[in-house]
Structure formats: structure tokens, C-alpha cells
Amino acid sequence: MSERRDPTEREALSALRGDDPARAARAADLLWRMWHRSGNPAVDSTLRQGIEAMQRQEIDKAEAVFTHLIEIAPDFAEGWNKRATVRFLAKDYPGSIADCRETLARNPNHFGALSGQGLCHMALKQYKEAAELFRRALAVHPRLENARENLRAALNEVVRWN
């Protein structure tokens, strides 16, 4: 009887770019699960507390929890990504962009951070920067339809303003 193992992050990233849409969707879900695990139960618990606060629309509390998470685990990319999300929701686009950059410094394949940073640049009417980030997100995850739609919108704005 052979032992079944979960795919590695590299294998999951490869599956995102493969021909099988169902396999790509499973790979995306697996990557999110991987990215939410730090390997430290206390850090993972703090991440869950922040996510729960975000789900309850307690934006200030969520930001404080994620800031604490970053202080105790500065190398954990998802802490930065979640604070970027909260800052986006609070319309703190420069703060969100800074946190997306920190996420990407730790996990360059984080298609959520790439797309999220693109949305921040859209909100700031920085359409060329937005388009570049949506392109990068699609290079990692070609089936990310919202990034494809946002890329089209950003490029339309670039053309409109040139």
C-alpha cells in the first residue's frame, strides 16, 4: 500500500499553470492552506483571531492583531498579507501596498498579494503599476479571472489617459 503525500508548494504552483482546471483549483486551495500555516501553533492561532475579527468587520481590531502577528513572526508572509487586506478595506492604500511588498519579499508567488497590490494601485489611479501587478499575478495563476478582468480595466485606463 503506497503512502499518499500532499503536493509540495512547487508542485501546486506548477498545477496552477497546467491544463486541468479542476486540478488548478485544488492547487490554489492547497496553496492558501499552506500559506496559512506557519508551523507555530501560537502564530497560527493569532492569524485565525485576526481573520475572525476581519470577518466580523472589526477592522481596527484585525489590524492590531495582524500587527502583533508581524511583530512576533516577521518572516511569516501571511501576517503581512492579511494586514495588507485589512488596510485595503480601510482604504489605506499606501499602507496596503507596503504590506503587499513585504508579503512578496517573503513569498514572490503570492498571487493574492500581487492582485491585492494591483487593486490598491487602481484605487490610486496608478494604472500602469496596477497592470504590471495583475500581469504578474496571472503569470503565477493564469486562471485568476478577477486579475484578468482587472488587467483589462487597468489597460483601458492606461490607453484612455495616454
N, C-alpha and C. Protein backbone atom coordinates (compact mmCIF):
# COMPACT_ATOMS: atom_id res chain seq x y z
N MET A 1 0.85 -1.17 0.00
CA MET A 1 0.00 0.00 0.00
C MET A 1 0.90 1.24 0.00
N SER A 2 0.70 2.10 -0.98
CA SER A 2 1.55 3.29 -1.06
C SER A 2 0.97 4.42 -0.23
N GLU A 3 1.88 5.19 0.30
CA GLU A 3 1.51 6.32 1.15
C GLU A 3 1.24 7.54 0.26
N ARG A 4 0.13 8.22 0.46
CA ARG A 4 -0.21 9.40 -0.32
C ARG A 4 0.34 10.63 0.39
N ARG A 5 1.00 11.48 -0.36
CA ARG A 5 1.54 12.70 0.23
C ARG A 5 0.91 13.90 -0.46
N ASP A 6 0.84 14.99 0.28
CA ASP A 6 0.35 16.24 -0.31
C ASP A 6 1.40 16.78 -1.27
N PRO A 7 0.94 17.47 -2.32
CA PRO A 7 1.90 18.09 -3.23
C PRO A 7 2.73 19.16 -2.50
N THR A 8 3.92 19.40 -2.99
CA THR A 8 4.74 20.48 -2.45
C THR A 8 4.21 21.80 -3.01
N GLU A 9 4.69 22.89 -2.44
CA GLU A 9 4.29 24.21 -2.95
C GLU A 9 4.69 24.35 -4.42
N ARG A 10 5.88 23.88 -4.75
CA ARG A 10 6.35 23.96 -6.15
C ARG A 10 5.41 23.18 -7.08
N GLU A 11 5.00 21.99 -6.65
CA GLU A 11 4.08 21.18 -7.47
C GLU A 11 2.72 21.86 -7.60
N ALA A 12 2.24 22.46 -6.53
CA ALA A 12 0.96 23.15 -6.57
C ALA A 12 1.03 24.37 -7.50
N LEU A 13 2.14 25.11 -7.43
CA LEU A 13 2.31 26.26 -8.32
C LEU A 13 2.35 25.81 -9.77
N SER A 14 2.98 24.69 -10.03
CA SER A 14 3.03 24.15 -11.39
C SER A 14 1.62 23.75 -11.86
N ALA A 15 0.84 23.15 -10.97
CA ALA A 15 -0.53 22.75 -11.32
C ALA A 15 -1.40 23.95 -11.66
N LEU A 16 -1.13 25.10 -11.06
CA LEU A 16 -1.90 26.31 -11.40
C LEU A 16 -1.77 26.65 -12.87
N ARG A 17 -0.60 26.36 -13.44
CA ARG A 17 -0.32 26.71 -14.83
C ARG A 17 -0.61 25.55 -15.78
N GLY A 18 -1.11 24.44 -15.26
CA GLY A 18 -1.37 23.27 -16.09
C GLY A 18 -2.68 23.37 -16.86
N ASP A 19 -2.98 22.31 -17.59
CA ASP A 19 -4.15 22.29 -18.49
C ASP A 19 -5.45 21.88 -17.80
N ASP A 20 -5.36 21.35 -16.60
CA ASP A 20 -6.54 20.80 -15.93
C ASP A 20 -7.13 21.84 -14.96
N PRO A 21 -8.29 22.44 -15.33
CA PRO A 21 -8.87 23.48 -14.47
C PRO A 21 -9.23 23.00 -13.06
N ALA A 22 -9.72 21.76 -12.95
CA ALA A 22 -10.09 21.24 -11.62
C ALA A 22 -8.83 21.06 -10.77
N ARG A 23 -7.77 20.55 -11.37
CA ARG A 23 -6.50 20.38 -10.65
C ARG A 23 -5.94 21.74 -10.23
N ALA A 24 -6.06 22.73 -11.11
CA ALA A 24 -5.58 24.07 -10.79
C ALA A 24 -6.36 24.66 -9.61
N ALA A 25 -7.66 24.45 -9.59
CA ALA A 25 -8.48 24.96 -8.49
C ALA A 25 -8.09 24.29 -7.17
N ARG A 26 -7.85 22.98 -7.20
CA ARG A 26 -7.41 22.27 -5.98
C ARG A 26 -6.04 22.79 -5.54
N ALA A 27 -5.17 23.06 -6.51
CA ALA A 27 -3.84 23.57 -6.18
C ALA A 27 -3.93 24.95 -5.53
N ALA A 28 -4.81 25.81 -6.03
CA ALA A 28 -4.98 27.14 -5.45
C ALA A 28 -5.46 27.03 -4.00
N ASP A 29 -6.44 26.14 -3.76
CA ASP A 29 -6.92 25.94 -2.39
C ASP A 29 -5.81 25.41 -1.49
N LEU A 30 -5.03 24.47 -2.01
CA LEU A 30 -3.92 23.91 -1.23
C LEU A 30 -2.90 25.00 -0.90
N LEU A 31 -2.58 25.86 -1.88
CA LEU A 31 -1.61 26.93 -1.61
C LEU A 31 -2.10 27.84 -0.50
N TRP A 32 -3.38 28.22 -0.54
CA TRP A 32 -3.91 29.08 0.52
C TRP A 32 -3.78 28.40 1.88
N ARG A 33 -4.08 27.08 1.92
CA ARG A 33 -3.94 26.35 3.20
C ARG A 33 -2.48 26.35 3.64
N MET A 34 -1.56 26.11 2.72
CA MET A 34 -0.12 26.12 3.06
C MET A 34 0.28 27.49 3.60
N TRP A 35 -0.15 28.53 2.91
CA TRP A 35 0.25 29.88 3.28
C TRP A 35 -0.31 30.31 4.63
N HIS A 36 -1.40 29.64 5.08
CA HIS A 36 -1.99 29.96 6.37
C HIS A 36 -1.35 29.17 7.51
N ARG A 37 -0.37 28.34 7.22
CA ARG A 37 0.31 27.54 8.26
C ARG A 37 1.73 28.04 8.41
N SER A 38 2.03 28.49 9.61
CA SER A 38 3.38 28.99 9.90
C SER A 38 4.30 27.90 10.44
N GLY A 39 3.70 26.85 10.98
CA GLY A 39 4.50 25.84 11.67
C GLY A 39 4.55 26.07 13.17
N ASN A 40 3.97 27.18 13.62
CA ASN A 40 3.95 27.53 15.05
C ASN A 40 2.48 27.68 15.47
N PRO A 41 2.00 26.83 16.37
CA PRO A 41 0.58 26.88 16.76
C PRO A 41 0.14 28.25 17.30
N ALA A 42 0.99 28.94 18.04
CA ALA A 42 0.62 30.25 18.59
C ALA A 42 0.46 31.28 17.47
N VAL A 43 1.34 31.23 16.49
CA VAL A 43 1.25 32.15 15.35
C VAL A 43 -0.01 31.85 14.55
N ASP A 44 -0.27 30.57 14.31
CA ASP A 44 -1.46 30.19 13.54
C ASP A 44 -2.74 30.59 14.26
N SER A 45 -2.74 30.49 15.58
CA SER A 45 -3.90 30.91 16.38
C SER A 45 -4.11 32.42 16.26
N THR A 46 -3.02 33.18 16.30
CA THR A 46 -3.12 34.63 16.17
C THR A 46 -3.65 35.00 14.78
N LEU A 47 -3.19 34.30 13.75
CA LEU A 47 -3.70 34.53 12.40
C LEU A 47 -5.21 34.30 12.36
N ARG A 48 -5.66 33.20 12.94
CA ARG A 48 -7.11 32.91 12.96
C ARG A 48 -7.89 33.99 13.70
N GLN A 49 -7.34 34.50 14.81
CA GLN A 49 -8.02 35.58 15.56
C GLN A 49 -8.18 36.82 14.69
N GLY A 50 -7.14 37.16 13.94
CA GLY A 50 -7.21 38.31 13.05
C GLY A 50 -8.22 38.12 11.93
N ILE A 51 -8.23 36.91 11.37
CA ILE A 51 -9.20 36.61 10.30
C ILE A 51 -10.62 36.70 10.84
N GLU A 52 -10.84 36.17 12.03
CA GLU A 52 -12.17 36.24 12.64
C GLU A 52 -12.59 37.69 12.87
N ALA A 53 -11.68 38.53 13.34
CA ALA A 53 -12.01 39.95 13.54
C ALA A 53 -12.34 40.60 12.20
N MET A 54 -11.60 40.25 11.18
CA MET A 54 -11.86 40.79 9.84
C MET A 54 -13.25 40.36 9.37
N GLN A 55 -13.60 39.10 9.58
CA GLN A 55 -14.91 38.59 9.16
C GLN A 55 -16.05 39.27 9.91
N ARG A 56 -15.77 39.71 11.13
CA ARG A 56 -16.79 40.45 11.91
C ARG A 56 -16.78 41.94 11.58
N GLN A 57 -15.96 42.34 10.59
CA GLN A 57 -15.83 43.75 10.17
C GLN A 57 -15.20 44.62 11.26
N GLU A 58 -14.47 44.01 12.17
CA GLU A 58 -13.75 44.74 13.22
C GLU A 58 -12.36 45.08 12.68
N ILE A 59 -12.34 46.07 11.79
CA ILE A 59 -11.14 46.37 11.01
C ILE A 59 -9.98 46.83 11.92
N ASP A 60 -10.26 47.73 12.85
CA ASP A 60 -9.18 48.22 13.73
C ASP A 60 -8.60 47.08 14.58
N LYS A 61 -9.49 46.23 15.10
CA LYS A 61 -9.02 45.10 15.90
C LYS A 61 -8.21 44.14 15.04
N ALA A 62 -8.69 43.86 13.83
CA ALA A 62 -7.97 42.95 12.93
C ALA A 62 -6.59 43.51 12.61
N GLU A 63 -6.51 44.80 12.33
CA GLU A 63 -5.21 45.39 12.02
C GLU A 63 -4.26 45.26 13.22
N ALA A 64 -4.79 45.48 14.42
CA ALA A 64 -3.95 45.36 15.62
C ALA A 64 -3.46 43.91 15.79
N VAL A 65 -4.33 42.94 15.55
CA VAL A 65 -3.94 41.54 15.68
C VAL A 65 -2.87 41.20 14.66
N PHE A 66 -3.05 41.64 13.41
CA PHE A 66 -2.06 41.32 12.38
C PHE A 66 -0.74 42.06 12.62
N THR A 67 -0.82 43.27 13.17
CA THR A 67 0.41 43.99 13.52
C THR A 67 1.17 43.22 14.59
N HIS A 68 0.45 42.72 15.59
CA HIS A 68 1.07 41.89 16.63
C HIS A 68 1.67 40.62 16.00
N LEU A 69 0.95 40.01 15.08
CA LEU A 69 1.43 38.81 14.42
C LEU A 69 2.75 39.09 13.69
N ILE A 70 2.82 40.22 13.00
CA ILE A 70 4.04 40.61 12.28
C ILE A 70 5.19 40.82 13.27
N GLU A 71 4.88 41.37 14.44
CA GLU A 71 5.92 41.59 15.45
C GLU A 71 6.48 40.28 15.98
N ILE A 72 5.62 39.27 16.16
CA ILE A 72 6.09 38.00 16.73
C ILE A 72 6.61 37.04 15.67
N ALA A 73 6.20 37.25 14.40
CA ALA A 73 6.62 36.34 13.31
C ALA A 73 6.85 37.16 12.04
N PRO A 74 7.88 38.00 12.02
CA PRO A 74 8.07 38.91 10.88
C PRO A 74 8.36 38.21 9.56
N ASP A 75 8.78 36.95 9.59
CA ASP A 75 9.07 36.22 8.35
C ASP A 75 7.86 35.48 7.79
N PHE A 76 6.75 35.49 8.51
CA PHE A 76 5.53 34.79 8.09
C PHE A 76 4.76 35.69 7.11
N ALA A 77 4.83 35.36 5.83
CA ALA A 77 4.27 36.20 4.77
C ALA A 77 2.78 36.48 4.97
N GLU A 78 2.04 35.50 5.45
CA GLU A 78 0.58 35.67 5.52
C GLU A 78 0.16 36.72 6.55
N GLY A 79 0.97 36.94 7.57
CA GLY A 79 0.66 38.03 8.50
C GLY A 79 0.67 39.37 7.78
N TRP A 80 1.69 39.57 6.94
CA TRP A 80 1.77 40.81 6.16
C TRP A 80 0.61 40.89 5.17
N ASN A 81 0.29 39.76 4.53
CA ASN A 81 -0.77 39.76 3.53
C ASN A 81 -2.13 40.10 4.15
N LYS A 82 -2.39 39.53 5.33
CA LYS A 82 -3.67 39.80 5.96
C LYS A 82 -3.76 41.26 6.42
N ARG A 83 -2.64 41.80 6.92
CA ARG A 83 -2.69 43.22 7.29
C ARG A 83 -2.87 44.09 6.04
N ALA A 84 -2.28 43.69 4.93
CA ALA A 84 -2.49 44.41 3.67
C ALA A 84 -3.98 44.40 3.31
N THR A 85 -4.63 43.27 3.50
CA THR A 85 -6.06 43.17 3.19
C THR A 85 -6.87 44.11 4.07
N VAL A 86 -6.57 44.11 5.36
CA VAL A 86 -7.29 44.99 6.29
C VAL A 86 -7.06 46.46 5.92
N ARG A 87 -5.84 46.80 5.59
CA ARG A 87 -5.55 48.19 5.22
C ARG A 87 -6.25 48.56 3.92
N PHE A 88 -6.37 47.62 2.99
CA PHE A 88 -7.13 47.88 1.77
C PHE A 88 -8.59 48.17 2.13
N LEU A 89 -9.16 47.35 2.99
CA LEU A 89 -10.56 47.54 3.41
C LEU A 89 -10.76 48.90 4.08
N ALA A 90 -9.72 49.38 4.79
CA ALA A 90 -9.77 50.68 5.47
C ALA A 90 -9.41 51.83 4.52
N LYS A 91 -9.17 51.49 3.24
CA LYS A 91 -8.79 52.48 2.22
C LYS A 91 -7.43 53.13 2.49
N ASP A 92 -6.58 52.43 3.25
CA ASP A 92 -5.19 52.86 3.46
C ASP A 92 -4.36 52.18 2.38
N TYR A 93 -4.48 52.69 1.15
CA TYR A 93 -3.84 52.04 0.01
C TYR A 93 -2.31 52.07 0.09
N PRO A 94 -1.69 53.20 0.47
CA PRO A 94 -0.22 53.16 0.60
C PRO A 94 0.25 52.14 1.65
N GLY A 95 -0.46 52.05 2.77
CA GLY A 95 -0.10 51.07 3.79
C GLY A 95 -0.29 49.64 3.29
N SER A 96 -1.35 49.42 2.55
CA SER A 96 -1.61 48.11 1.99
C SER A 96 -0.53 47.73 0.96
N ILE A 97 -0.15 48.68 0.12
CA ILE A 97 0.91 48.43 -0.87
C ILE A 97 2.21 48.05 -0.15
N ALA A 98 2.55 48.78 0.90
CA ALA A 98 3.78 48.47 1.65
C ALA A 98 3.72 47.05 2.21
N ASP A 99 2.57 46.65 2.74
CA ASP A 99 2.43 45.30 3.29
C ASP A 99 2.43 44.24 2.19
N CYS A 100 1.86 44.54 1.03
CA CYS A 100 1.93 43.60 -0.11
C CYS A 100 3.38 43.39 -0.51
N ARG A 101 4.15 44.46 -0.53
CA ARG A 101 5.57 44.34 -0.89
C ARG A 101 6.30 43.45 0.11
N GLU A 102 5.98 43.60 1.40
CA GLU A 102 6.59 42.74 2.42
C GLU A 102 6.17 41.28 2.22
N THR A 103 4.90 41.06 1.89
CA THR A 103 4.43 39.70 1.61
C THR A 103 5.22 39.09 0.46
N LEU A 104 5.35 39.87 -0.63
CA LEU A 104 6.02 39.37 -1.84
C LEU A 104 7.52 39.19 -1.64
N ALA A 105 8.11 39.95 -0.73
CA ALA A 105 9.52 39.74 -0.41
C ALA A 105 9.73 38.36 0.23
N ARG A 106 8.70 37.88 0.92
CA ARG A 106 8.78 36.60 1.62
C ARG A 106 8.20 35.46 0.77
N ASN A 107 7.25 35.79 -0.11
CA ASN A 107 6.60 34.78 -0.96
C ASN A 107 6.29 35.43 -2.31
N PRO A 108 7.25 35.41 -3.24
CA PRO A 108 7.07 36.08 -4.53
C PRO A 108 5.95 35.51 -5.39
N ASN A 109 5.47 34.30 -5.05
CA ASN A 109 4.39 33.67 -5.82
C ASN A 109 3.01 33.90 -5.22
N HIS A 110 2.90 34.81 -4.28
CA HIS A 110 1.63 35.04 -3.59
C HIS A 110 0.71 35.83 -4.52
N PHE A 111 -0.08 35.09 -5.29
CA PHE A 111 -0.96 35.73 -6.27
C PHE A 111 -2.01 36.61 -5.62
N GLY A 112 -2.37 36.34 -4.38
CA GLY A 112 -3.31 37.20 -3.66
C GLY A 112 -2.71 38.57 -3.38
N ALA A 113 -1.47 38.59 -2.95
CA ALA A 113 -0.78 39.87 -2.68
C ALA A 113 -0.53 40.62 -3.98
N LEU A 114 -0.16 39.91 -5.05
CA LEU A 114 0.06 40.57 -6.34
C LEU A 114 -1.23 41.24 -6.81
N SER A 115 -2.32 40.51 -6.76
CA SER A 115 -3.60 41.05 -7.21
C SER A 115 -4.08 42.17 -6.27
N GLY A 116 -3.91 41.96 -4.97
CA GLY A 116 -4.32 42.98 -4.00
C GLY A 116 -3.55 44.27 -4.16
N GLN A 117 -2.24 44.16 -4.40
CA GLN A 117 -1.46 45.37 -4.61
C GLN A 117 -1.92 46.06 -5.90
N GLY A 118 -2.26 45.28 -6.90
CA GLY A 118 -2.80 45.86 -8.13
C GLY A 118 -4.07 46.65 -7.87
N LEU A 119 -4.95 46.11 -7.03
CA LEU A 119 -6.19 46.82 -6.69
C LEU A 119 -5.90 48.14 -5.98
N CYS A 120 -4.88 48.15 -5.13
CA CYS A 120 -4.50 49.40 -4.46
C CYS A 120 -4.05 50.44 -5.48
N HIS A 121 -3.23 50.02 -6.43
CA HIS A 121 -2.77 50.96 -7.45
C HIS A 121 -3.96 51.45 -8.30
N MET A 122 -4.93 50.58 -8.57
CA MET A 122 -6.13 51.01 -9.29
C MET A 122 -6.84 52.10 -8.50
N ALA A 123 -7.01 51.89 -7.20
CA ALA A 123 -7.70 52.86 -6.35
C ALA A 123 -6.98 54.20 -6.35
N LEU A 124 -5.64 54.15 -6.50
CA LEU A 124 -4.84 55.37 -6.53
C LEU A 124 -4.67 55.93 -7.95
N LYS A 125 -5.37 55.32 -8.92
CA LYS A 125 -5.31 55.72 -10.33
C LYS A 125 -3.90 55.57 -10.91
N GLN A 126 -3.16 54.59 -10.39
CA GLN A 126 -1.81 54.26 -10.89
C GLN A 126 -1.97 53.01 -11.77
N TYR A 127 -2.49 53.24 -12.98
CA TYR A 127 -2.94 52.14 -13.82
C TYR A 127 -1.79 51.31 -14.40
N LYS A 128 -0.67 51.93 -14.75
CA LYS A 128 0.46 51.15 -15.29
C LYS A 128 0.99 50.19 -14.23
N GLU A 129 1.14 50.68 -13.00
CA GLU A 129 1.61 49.83 -11.91
C GLU A 129 0.61 48.70 -11.66
N ALA A 130 -0.67 49.05 -11.68
CA ALA A 130 -1.72 48.04 -11.47
C ALA A 130 -1.64 46.96 -12.54
N ALA A 131 -1.52 47.37 -13.80
CA ALA A 131 -1.46 46.40 -14.89
C ALA A 131 -0.28 45.45 -14.72
N GLU A 132 0.87 45.99 -14.34
CA GLU A 132 2.05 45.14 -14.15
C GLU A 132 1.82 44.10 -13.06
N LEU A 133 1.17 44.48 -11.97
CA LEU A 133 0.91 43.53 -10.88
C LEU A 133 -0.11 42.48 -11.29
N PHE A 134 -1.15 42.87 -12.03
CA PHE A 134 -2.12 41.88 -12.49
C PHE A 134 -1.46 40.91 -13.47
N ARG A 135 -0.54 41.41 -14.32
CA ARG A 135 0.21 40.51 -15.21
C ARG A 135 1.02 39.52 -14.40
N ARG A 136 1.68 39.99 -13.36
CA ARG A 136 2.49 39.10 -12.52
C ARG A 136 1.60 38.06 -11.82
N ALA A 137 0.43 38.49 -11.35
CA ALA A 137 -0.50 37.55 -10.71
C ALA A 137 -0.91 36.46 -11.70
N LEU A 138 -1.19 36.86 -12.94
CA LEU A 138 -1.62 35.89 -13.96
C LEU A 138 -0.47 34.98 -14.39
N ALA A 139 0.76 35.45 -14.29
CA ALA A 139 1.90 34.59 -14.60
C ALA A 139 2.00 33.45 -13.59
N VAL A 140 1.62 33.72 -12.35
CA VAL A 140 1.65 32.70 -11.30
C VAL A 140 0.39 31.82 -11.39
N HIS A 141 -0.76 32.47 -11.59
CA HIS A 141 -2.07 31.78 -11.56
C HIS A 141 -2.88 32.24 -12.78
N PRO A 142 -2.67 31.60 -13.94
CA PRO A 142 -3.32 32.05 -15.18
C PRO A 142 -4.85 31.99 -15.16
N ARG A 143 -5.44 31.24 -14.24
CA ARG A 143 -6.91 31.14 -14.20
C ARG A 143 -7.55 32.10 -13.19
N LEU A 144 -6.79 33.06 -12.72
CA LEU A 144 -7.31 34.04 -11.76
C LEU A 144 -8.12 35.07 -12.53
N GLU A 145 -9.42 34.77 -12.69
CA GLU A 145 -10.26 35.57 -13.58
C GLU A 145 -10.41 37.02 -13.13
N ASN A 146 -10.49 37.27 -11.82
CA ASN A 146 -10.62 38.67 -11.38
C ASN A 146 -9.37 39.46 -11.75
N ALA A 147 -8.19 38.83 -11.71
CA ALA A 147 -6.97 39.53 -12.11
C ALA A 147 -7.00 39.82 -13.61
N ARG A 148 -7.55 38.90 -14.40
CA ARG A 148 -7.65 39.10 -15.85
C ARG A 148 -8.59 40.29 -16.14
N GLU A 149 -9.72 40.32 -15.46
CA GLU A 149 -10.67 41.43 -15.65
C GLU A 149 -10.06 42.75 -15.19
N ASN A 150 -9.36 42.73 -14.07
CA ASN A 150 -8.72 43.95 -13.56
C ASN A 150 -7.59 44.41 -14.48
N LEU A 151 -6.87 43.47 -15.08
CA LEU A 151 -5.83 43.83 -16.03
C LEU A 151 -6.45 44.57 -17.22
N ARG A 152 -7.55 44.03 -17.73
CA ARG A 152 -8.24 44.71 -18.85
C ARG A 152 -8.65 46.12 -18.46
N ALA A 153 -9.22 46.26 -17.27
CA ALA A 153 -9.67 47.59 -16.81
C ALA A 153 -8.48 48.54 -16.67
N ALA A 154 -7.38 48.05 -16.11
CA ALA A 154 -6.20 48.90 -15.94
C ALA A 154 -5.64 49.33 -17.29
N LEU A 155 -5.56 48.38 -18.24
CA LEU A 155 -5.04 48.72 -19.56
C LEU A 155 -5.95 49.71 -20.29
N ASN A 156 -7.26 49.57 -20.12
CA ASN A 156 -8.20 50.53 -20.71
C ASN A 156 -7.95 51.93 -20.17
N GLU A 157 -7.65 52.03 -18.88
CA GLU A 157 -7.36 53.33 -18.28
C GLU A 157 -6.02 53.89 -18.77
N VAL A 158 -5.04 53.02 -18.94
CA VAL A 158 -3.75 53.46 -19.46
C VAL A 158 -3.94 54.08 -20.85
N VAL A 159 -4.69 53.39 -21.70
CA VAL A 159 -4.95 53.88 -23.06
C VAL A 159 -5.73 55.20 -23.00
N ARG A 160 -6.70 55.25 -22.13
CA ARG A 160 -7.55 56.44 -22.01
C ARG A 160 -6.75 57.68 -21.60
N TRP A 161 -5.76 57.48 -20.74
CA TRP A 161 -5.00 58.61 -20.21
C TRP A 161 -3.75 58.93 -21.00
N ASN A 162 -3.45 58.16 -22.05
CA ASN A 162 -2.26 58.43 -22.87
C ASN A 162 -2.63 59.04 -24.20
